[in-house]
Amino acid sequence: MLATALLCLIVGVSDGDTLTARCGAPGQYQQVKVRLAAIDAPERGQPYGNRAKQALSDLCYMQQATIRQVDQDRYKRIVAEVTCQGQLANQWMVRNGWAWVYDRYASGYMHWHQDQRAAQAERRGLWQDTHAMPPWEWRRR
């Protein structure tokens, strides 16, 4: 179900799993909101939320990115695999401990649990907190 890849410039980072990208030819740019597929990062206001946003910014902000749409969410954002600086940002966030694999939407990405377990074992990123709460539980409260 992967669509054609778009080459875009990342012009904004809302949080650890949402970007704003400028895509298209000069003079015909289209700005799109992109939700990183299969992951969920801490929310703003949640412990590690700002650090997760900074980690994604360090990787992608003002970088050219390849965006492969896999879906569209209820907020009309593109749900995609995003590659910045040669790294698949979705998996990179999990591998570096700044996001969880979002099981509810991770069909086809379950192998990323291996990266999540390694980040946890090595206490990378949010895994420094032994009681880190997944964002979907934090939102429910």
C-alpha atoms as a PDB file:
ATOM      1  CA  MET A   1       0.000   0.000   0.000  1.00  0.00           C
ATOM      2  CA  LEU A   2       3.057   2.265  -0.094  1.00  0.00           C
ATOM      3  CA  ALA A   3       2.538   5.258  -2.329  1.00  0.00           C
ATOM      4  CA  THR A   4       5.148   6.896  -4.474  1.00  0.00           C
ATOM      5  CA  ALA A   5       7.845   8.563  -2.430  1.00  0.00           C
ATOM      6  CA  LEU A   6       7.766  12.337  -2.076  1.00  0.00           C
ATOM      7  CA  LEU A   7      10.946  14.333  -1.694  1.00  0.00           C
ATOM      8  CA  CYS A   8      10.241  17.119   0.783  1.00  0.00           C
ATOM      9  CA  LEU A   9      11.897  19.620   3.103  1.00  0.00           C
ATOM     10  CA  ILE A  10      11.011  19.242   6.784  1.00  0.00           C
ATOM     11  CA  VAL A  11      10.010  22.719   7.951  1.00  0.00           C
ATOM     12  CA  GLY A  12       8.476  21.930  11.330  1.00  0.00           C
ATOM     13  CA  VAL A  13       8.483  19.389  14.131  1.00  0.00           C
ATOM     14  CA  SER A  14       5.366  19.380  16.344  1.00  0.00           C
ATOM     15  CA  ASP A  15       6.435  16.561  18.647  1.00  0.00           C
ATOM     16  CA  GLY A  16       8.328  13.282  18.568  1.00  0.00           C
ATOM     17  CA  ASP A  17       6.118  11.708  15.920  1.00  0.00           C
ATOM     18  CA  THR A  18       4.673  14.582  13.865  1.00  0.00           C
ATOM     19  CA  LEU A  19       6.372  16.744  11.225  1.00  0.00           C
ATOM     20  CA  THR A  20       5.433  19.485   8.779  1.00  0.00           C
ATOM     21  CA  ALA A  21       6.914  19.030   5.325  1.00  0.00           C
ATOM     22  CA  ARG A  22       7.073  21.276   2.278  1.00  0.00           C
ATOM     23  CA  CYS A  23       6.744  19.158  -0.844  1.00  0.00           C
ATOM     24  CA  GLY A  24       6.582  19.869  -4.553  1.00  0.00           C
ATOM     25  CA  ALA A  25       8.262  21.952  -7.191  1.00  0.00           C
ATOM     26  CA  PRO A  26       9.502  25.496  -6.455  1.00  0.00           C
ATOM     27  CA  GLY A  27       6.598  27.910  -6.668  1.00  0.00           C
ATOM     28  CA  GLN A  28       4.126  25.055  -6.290  1.00  0.00           C
ATOM     29  CA  TYR A  29       4.967  23.884  -2.794  1.00  0.00           C
ATOM     30  CA  GLN A  30       2.382  22.120  -0.739  1.00  0.00           C
ATOM     31  CA  GLN A  31       2.741  21.996   3.031  1.00  0.00           C
ATOM     32  CA  VAL A  32       1.631  18.722   4.632  1.00  0.00           C
ATOM     33  CA  LYS A  33       1.389  17.355   8.170  1.00  0.00           C
ATOM     34  CA  VAL A  34       3.052  13.972   8.515  1.00  0.00           C
ATOM     35  CA  ARG A  35       2.520  11.468  11.323  1.00  0.00           C
ATOM     36  CA  LEU A  36       5.324   8.907  11.591  1.00  0.00           C
ATOM     37  CA  ALA A  37       3.853   5.454  10.998  1.00  0.00           C
ATOM     38  CA  ALA A  38       3.872   2.691  13.622  1.00  0.00           C
ATOM     39  CA  ILE A  39       5.333   4.727  16.516  1.00  0.00           C
ATOM     40  CA  ASP A  40       4.038   6.841  19.375  1.00  0.00           C
ATOM     41  CA  ALA A  41       6.313   9.344  21.102  1.00  0.00           C
ATOM     42  CA  PRO A  42       5.706  11.084  24.438  1.00  0.00           C
ATOM     43  CA  GLU A  43       3.256  13.973  24.223  1.00  0.00           C
ATOM     44  CA  ARG A  44       4.168  17.583  24.920  1.00  0.00           C
ATOM     45  CA  GLY A  45       3.744  17.993  28.659  1.00  0.00           C
ATOM     46  CA  GLN A  46       4.538  14.334  29.247  1.00  0.00           C
ATOM     47  CA  PRO A  47       7.972  13.400  30.659  1.00  0.00           C
ATOM     48  CA  TYR A  48      10.470  13.152  27.776  1.00  0.00           C
ATOM     49  CA  GLY A  49       8.037  14.840  25.365  1.00  0.00           C
ATOM     50  CA  ASN A  50      10.309  17.827  24.711  1.00  0.00           C
ATOM     51  CA  ARG A  51      13.399  15.637  24.448  1.00  0.00           C
ATOM     52  CA  ALA A  52      11.677  13.336  21.929  1.00  0.00           C
ATOM     53  CA  LYS A  53      10.695  16.382  19.862  1.00  0.00           C
ATOM     54  CA  GLN A  54      14.307  17.624  20.007  1.00  0.00           C
ATOM     55  CA  ALA A  55      15.647  14.232  18.925  1.00  0.00           C
ATOM     56  CA  LEU A  56      13.364  14.199  15.864  1.00  0.00           C
ATOM     57  CA  SER A  57      14.288  17.829  15.144  1.00  0.00           C
ATOM     58  CA  ASP A  58      18.004  17.006  15.313  1.00  0.00           C
ATOM     59  CA  LEU A  59      17.490  14.255  12.745  1.00  0.00           C
ATOM     60  CA  CYS A  60      14.989  15.871  10.363  1.00  0.00           C
ATOM     61  CA  TYR A  61      14.457  19.625  10.793  1.00  0.00           C
ATOM     62  CA  MET A  62      15.456  21.602   7.677  1.00  0.00           C
ATOM     63  CA  GLN A  63      16.581  18.358   6.043  1.00  0.00           C
ATOM     64  CA  GLN A  64      15.412  16.854   2.796  1.00  0.00           C
ATOM     65  CA  ALA A  65      13.257  13.841   3.555  1.00  0.00           C
ATOM     66  CA  THR A  66      11.746  10.999   1.620  1.00  0.00           C
ATOM     67  CA  ILE A  67       8.138  10.474   2.639  1.00  0.00           C
ATOM     68  CA  ARG A  68       6.373   7.204   1.777  1.00  0.00           C
ATOM     69  CA  GLN A  69       2.698   7.456   2.665  1.00  0.00           C
ATOM     70  CA  VAL A  70       1.162   4.302   4.144  1.00  0.00           C
ATOM     71  CA  ASP A  71      -2.143   5.759   5.342  1.00  0.00           C
ATOM     72  CA  GLN A  72      -4.029   8.900   6.334  1.00  0.00           C
ATOM     73  CA  ASP A  73      -5.259   9.437   9.901  1.00  0.00           C
ATOM     74  CA  ARG A  74      -8.540  10.831  11.169  1.00  0.00           C
ATOM     75  CA  TYR A  75      -6.956  14.301  11.385  1.00  0.00           C
ATOM     76  CA  LYS A  76      -6.153  14.148   7.633  1.00  0.00           C
ATOM     77  CA  ARG A  77      -2.411  13.872   8.299  1.00  0.00           C
ATOM     78  CA  ILE A  78      -0.304  11.714   6.038  1.00  0.00           C
ATOM     79  CA  VAL A  79       0.861   8.629   7.946  1.00  0.00           C
ATOM     80  CA  ALA A  80       4.236   7.732   6.520  1.00  0.00           C
ATOM     81  CA  GLU A  81       7.682   6.253   6.691  1.00  0.00           C
ATOM     82  CA  VAL A  82      10.036   9.253   6.750  1.00  0.00           C
ATOM     83  CA  THR A  83      13.714   9.027   5.864  1.00  0.00           C
ATOM     84  CA  CYS A  84      16.042  11.859   6.957  1.00  0.00           C
ATOM     85  CA  GLN A  85      19.822  11.849   6.605  1.00  0.00           C
ATOM     86  CA  GLY A  86      19.705   8.231   5.411  1.00  0.00           C
ATOM     87  CA  GLN A  87      17.817   7.088   8.536  1.00  0.00           C
ATOM     88  CA  LEU A  88      14.262   5.789   8.681  1.00  0.00           C
ATOM     89  CA  ALA A  89      13.133   8.307  11.313  1.00  0.00           C
ATOM     90  CA  ASN A  90      10.302   6.113  12.618  1.00  0.00           C
ATOM     91  CA  GLN A  91      12.620   3.238  13.506  1.00  0.00           C
ATOM     92  CA  TRP A  92      15.427   5.606  14.556  1.00  0.00           C
ATOM     93  CA  MET A  93      13.142   7.140  17.209  1.00  0.00           C
ATOM     94  CA  VAL A  94      12.377   3.683  18.632  1.00  0.00           C
ATOM     95  CA  ARG A  95      16.002   2.524  18.414  1.00  0.00           C
ATOM     96  CA  ASN A  96      17.222   5.601  20.284  1.00  0.00           C
ATOM     97  CA  GLY A  97      14.583   5.345  22.981  1.00  0.00           C
ATOM     98  CA  TRP A  98      12.399   8.321  22.071  1.00  0.00           C
ATOM     99  CA  ALA A  99       9.261   6.434  20.992  1.00  0.00           C
ATOM    100  CA  TRP A 100       7.345   3.215  21.478  1.00  0.00           C
ATOM    101  CA  VAL A 101       6.292   0.829  18.750  1.00  0.00           C
ATOM    102  CA  TYR A 102       2.577   1.636  18.537  1.00  0.00           C
ATOM    103  CA  ASP A 103       1.188  -1.909  18.381  1.00  0.00           C
ATOM    104  CA  ARG A 104      -2.290  -0.724  17.463  1.00  0.00           C
ATOM    105  CA  TYR A 105      -0.919   0.651  14.165  1.00  0.00           C
ATOM    106  CA  ALA A 106       2.273  -1.375  13.748  1.00  0.00           C
ATOM    107  CA  SER A 107       1.166  -4.228  11.516  1.00  0.00           C
ATOM    108  CA  GLY A 108       4.184  -4.906   9.331  1.00  0.00           C
ATOM    109  CA  TYR A 109       6.547  -3.159  11.761  1.00  0.00           C
ATOM    110  CA  MET A 110       6.524  -5.583  14.682  1.00  0.00           C
ATOM    111  CA  HIS A 111      10.226  -6.356  14.107  1.00  0.00           C
ATOM    112  CA  TRP A 112      10.895  -2.888  15.597  1.00  0.00           C
ATOM    113  CA  HIS A 113      10.151  -4.390  19.015  1.00  0.00           C
ATOM    114  CA  GLN A 114      13.700  -5.736  18.879  1.00  0.00           C
ATOM    115  CA  ASP A 115      14.988  -2.136  18.649  1.00  0.00           C
ATOM    116  CA  GLN A 116      12.670  -1.093  21.481  1.00  0.00           C
ATOM    117  CA  ARG A 117      13.881  -3.926  23.735  1.00  0.00           C
ATOM    118  CA  ALA A 118      17.518  -2.987  23.031  1.00  0.00           C
ATOM    119  CA  ALA A 119      16.847   0.697  23.840  1.00  0.00           C
ATOM    120  CA  GLN A 120      15.104  -0.377  27.045  1.00  0.00           C
ATOM    121  CA  ALA A 121      17.926  -2.716  28.071  1.00  0.00           C
ATOM    122  CA  GLU A 122      20.520   0.012  27.446  1.00  0.00           C
ATOM    123  CA  ARG A 123      18.327   2.692  29.117  1.00  0.00           C
ATOM    124  CA  ARG A 124      18.454   4.993  26.091  1.00  0.00           C
ATOM    125  CA  GLY A 125      16.228   8.048  25.859  1.00  0.00           C
ATOM    126  CA  LEU A 126      12.995   7.790  27.808  1.00  0.00           C
ATOM    127  CA  TRP A 127      14.005   4.339  29.042  1.00  0.00           C
ATOM    128  CA  GLN A 128      16.156   6.083  31.649  1.00  0.00           C
ATOM    129  CA  ASP A 129      12.828   6.311  33.490  1.00  0.00           C
ATOM    130  CA  THR A 130      11.990   2.833  34.799  1.00  0.00           C
ATOM    131  CA  HIS A 131       8.318   3.865  34.990  1.00  0.00           C
ATOM    132  CA  ALA A 132       7.997   5.437  31.526  1.00  0.00           C
ATOM    133  CA  MET A 133       4.331   5.613  30.577  1.00  0.00           C
ATOM    134  CA  PRO A 134       3.257   4.972  26.976  1.00  0.00           C
ATOM    135  CA  PRO A 135       1.573   8.036  25.439  1.00  0.00           C
ATOM    136  CA  TRP A 136      -1.683   6.167  24.754  1.00  0.00           C
ATOM    137  CA  GLU A 137      -2.010   5.517  28.513  1.00  0.00           C
ATOM    138  CA  TRP A 138      -0.977   9.096  29.365  1.00  0.00           C
ATOM    139  CA  ARG A 139      -3.625  10.486  26.973  1.00  0.00           C
ATOM    140  CA  ARG A 140      -6.293   8.286  28.567  1.00  0.00           C
ATOM    141  CA  ARG A 141      -5.631   9.928  31.960  1.00  0.00           C
END
